[in-house]
Amino acid sequence: MSQHRKTPPPERAKLVRDGFTMPADDYALIAELKHRLHDVKREAKKSELLRAGLHALAQLDAPELAAALDRLVPIKTGRPPKSG
């Protein structure tokens, strides 16, 4: 009678919840990317697309990363003031 050892489950990554603002055109890119995945029968959550983008950016060297950021249209960051 052989003993089966259960392998311990993989450690779960610590998750951080964050909120941010982006231009509507950039937000629409998320829907476009999700739509493109239909052709390969792959669904993706918004967070998966954002994480994949971060991993792709991480592969760039510093000048390439700076160039990618320079191609973005600047936006005013922060929360809008509360209207009274």
C-alpha atoms as a PDB file:
ATOM      1  CA  MET A   1       0.000   0.000   0.000  1.00  0.00           C
ATOM      2  CA  SER A   2       1.686   3.186  -1.139  1.00  0.00           C
ATOM      3  CA  GLN A   3       1.290   6.398   0.728  1.00  0.00           C
ATOM      4  CA  HIS A   4       0.235   9.408  -1.291  1.00  0.00           C
ATOM      5  CA  ARG A   5       1.634  12.663  -0.077  1.00  0.00           C
ATOM      6  CA  LYS A   6      -0.350  15.701  -0.914  1.00  0.00           C
ATOM      7  CA  THR A   7       1.735  18.410  -2.437  1.00  0.00           C
ATOM      8  CA  PRO A   8       1.186  21.705  -0.682  1.00  0.00           C
ATOM      9  CA  PRO A   9      -0.807  24.245  -2.657  1.00  0.00           C
ATOM     10  CA  PRO A  10       1.270  26.960  -4.330  1.00  0.00           C
ATOM     11  CA  GLU A  11       1.662  30.130  -2.317  1.00  0.00           C
ATOM     12  CA  ARG A  12      -0.891  32.735  -3.228  1.00  0.00           C
ATOM     13  CA  ALA A  13       0.457  36.061  -4.344  1.00  0.00           C
ATOM     14  CA  LYS A  14      -0.343  38.987  -2.090  1.00  0.00           C
ATOM     15  CA  LEU A  15      -2.942  41.085  -3.883  1.00  0.00           C
ATOM     16  CA  VAL A  16      -3.105  44.862  -3.783  1.00  0.00           C
ATOM     17  CA  ARG A  17      -6.287  46.723  -4.655  1.00  0.00           C
ATOM     18  CA  ASP A  18      -5.769  50.030  -6.423  1.00  0.00           C
ATOM     19  CA  GLY A  19      -7.825  52.513  -8.373  1.00  0.00           C
ATOM     20  CA  PHE A  20      -6.764  54.886 -11.119  1.00  0.00           C
ATOM     21  CA  THR A  21      -8.094  57.034 -13.923  1.00  0.00           C
ATOM     22  CA  MET A  22      -7.340  56.691 -17.625  1.00  0.00           C
ATOM     23  CA  PRO A  23      -8.566  58.386 -20.788  1.00  0.00           C
ATOM     24  CA  ALA A  24     -11.670  56.881 -22.390  1.00  0.00           C
ATOM     25  CA  ASP A  25      -9.680  55.980 -25.529  1.00  0.00           C
ATOM     26  CA  ASP A  26      -7.203  53.926 -23.469  1.00  0.00           C
ATOM     27  CA  TYR A  27     -10.074  52.272 -21.619  1.00  0.00           C
ATOM     28  CA  ALA A  28     -11.616  51.403 -24.995  1.00  0.00           C
ATOM     29  CA  LEU A  29      -8.356  49.632 -25.893  1.00  0.00           C
ATOM     30  CA  ILE A  30      -9.130  47.123 -23.154  1.00  0.00           C
ATOM     31  CA  ALA A  31     -12.405  46.209 -24.870  1.00  0.00           C
ATOM     32  CA  GLU A  32     -10.612  46.050 -28.227  1.00  0.00           C
ATOM     33  CA  LEU A  33      -7.939  43.703 -26.856  1.00  0.00           C
ATOM     34  CA  LYS A  34     -10.601  41.500 -25.267  1.00  0.00           C
ATOM     35  CA  HIS A  35     -12.405  41.367 -28.627  1.00  0.00           C
ATOM     36  CA  ARG A  36      -9.192  40.376 -30.442  1.00  0.00           C
ATOM     37  CA  LEU A  37      -8.823  37.419 -28.083  1.00  0.00           C
ATOM     38  CA  HIS A  38     -12.150  35.983 -29.292  1.00  0.00           C
ATOM     39  CA  ASP A  39     -10.386  34.859 -32.497  1.00  0.00           C
ATOM     40  CA  VAL A  40      -8.130  32.572 -30.451  1.00  0.00           C
ATOM     41  CA  LYS A  41     -10.927  31.552 -28.073  1.00  0.00           C
ATOM     42  CA  ARG A  42      -9.232  33.157 -25.067  1.00  0.00           C
ATOM     43  CA  GLU A  43     -11.012  35.363 -22.593  1.00  0.00           C
ATOM     44  CA  ALA A  44      -9.176  37.856 -20.428  1.00  0.00           C
ATOM     45  CA  LYS A  45     -10.063  40.028 -17.493  1.00  0.00           C
ATOM     46  CA  LYS A  46      -9.115  43.675 -17.458  1.00  0.00           C
ATOM     47  CA  SER A  47      -6.597  42.968 -14.708  1.00  0.00           C
ATOM     48  CA  GLU A  48      -4.957  40.235 -16.816  1.00  0.00           C
ATOM     49  CA  LEU A  49      -4.501  42.639 -19.727  1.00  0.00           C
ATOM     50  CA  LEU A  50      -3.016  45.287 -17.463  1.00  0.00           C
ATOM     51  CA  ARG A  51      -0.668  42.752 -15.852  1.00  0.00           C
ATOM     52  CA  ALA A  52       0.401  41.428 -19.275  1.00  0.00           C
ATOM     53  CA  GLY A  53       1.124  45.009 -20.330  1.00  0.00           C
ATOM     54  CA  LEU A  54       3.282  45.551 -17.256  1.00  0.00           C
ATOM     55  CA  HIS A  55       5.231  42.358 -17.967  1.00  0.00           C
ATOM     56  CA  ALA A  56       5.721  43.438 -21.593  1.00  0.00           C
ATOM     57  CA  LEU A  57       6.991  46.860 -20.440  1.00  0.00           C
ATOM     58  CA  ALA A  58       9.330  45.177 -17.974  1.00  0.00           C
ATOM     59  CA  GLN A  59      11.109  43.524 -20.927  1.00  0.00           C
ATOM     60  CA  LEU A  60      12.083  46.923 -22.375  1.00  0.00           C
ATOM     61  CA  ASP A  61      15.346  48.616 -21.550  1.00  0.00           C
ATOM     62  CA  ALA A  62      15.205  52.081 -19.960  1.00  0.00           C
ATOM     63  CA  PRO A  63      15.359  54.095 -23.236  1.00  0.00           C
ATOM     64  CA  GLU A  64      12.624  51.926 -24.831  1.00  0.00           C
ATOM     65  CA  LEU A  65      10.472  52.278 -21.714  1.00  0.00           C
ATOM     66  CA  ALA A  66      10.971  56.053 -21.700  1.00  0.00           C
ATOM     67  CA  ALA A  67      10.035  56.192 -25.407  1.00  0.00           C
ATOM     68  CA  ALA A  68       6.846  54.195 -24.750  1.00  0.00           C
ATOM     69  CA  LEU A  69       5.881  56.602 -21.969  1.00  0.00           C
ATOM     70  CA  ASP A  70       6.704  59.606 -24.157  1.00  0.00           C
ATOM     71  CA  ARG A  71       4.169  58.359 -26.729  1.00  0.00           C
ATOM     72  CA  LEU A  72       1.329  58.700 -24.201  1.00  0.00           C
ATOM     73  CA  VAL A  73      -0.809  61.809 -24.206  1.00  0.00           C
ATOM     74  CA  PRO A  74      -0.305  63.449 -20.786  1.00  0.00           C
ATOM     75  CA  ILE A  75      -3.324  63.514 -18.497  1.00  0.00           C
ATOM     76  CA  LYS A  76      -4.051  65.374 -15.300  1.00  0.00           C
ATOM     77  CA  THR A  77      -3.836  62.855 -12.473  1.00  0.00           C
ATOM     78  CA  GLY A  78      -5.647  62.781  -9.175  1.00  0.00           C
ATOM     79  CA  ARG A  79      -9.261  62.871  -8.157  1.00  0.00           C
ATOM     80  CA  PRO A  80     -11.474  65.720  -9.347  1.00  0.00           C
ATOM     81  CA  PRO A  81     -12.549  68.143  -6.590  1.00  0.00           C
ATOM     82  CA  LYS A  82     -15.872  67.391  -4.936  1.00  0.00           C
ATOM     83  CA  SER A  83     -18.600  69.679  -6.167  1.00  0.00           C
ATOM     84  CA  GLY A  84     -20.612  71.220  -3.367  1.00  0.00           C
END
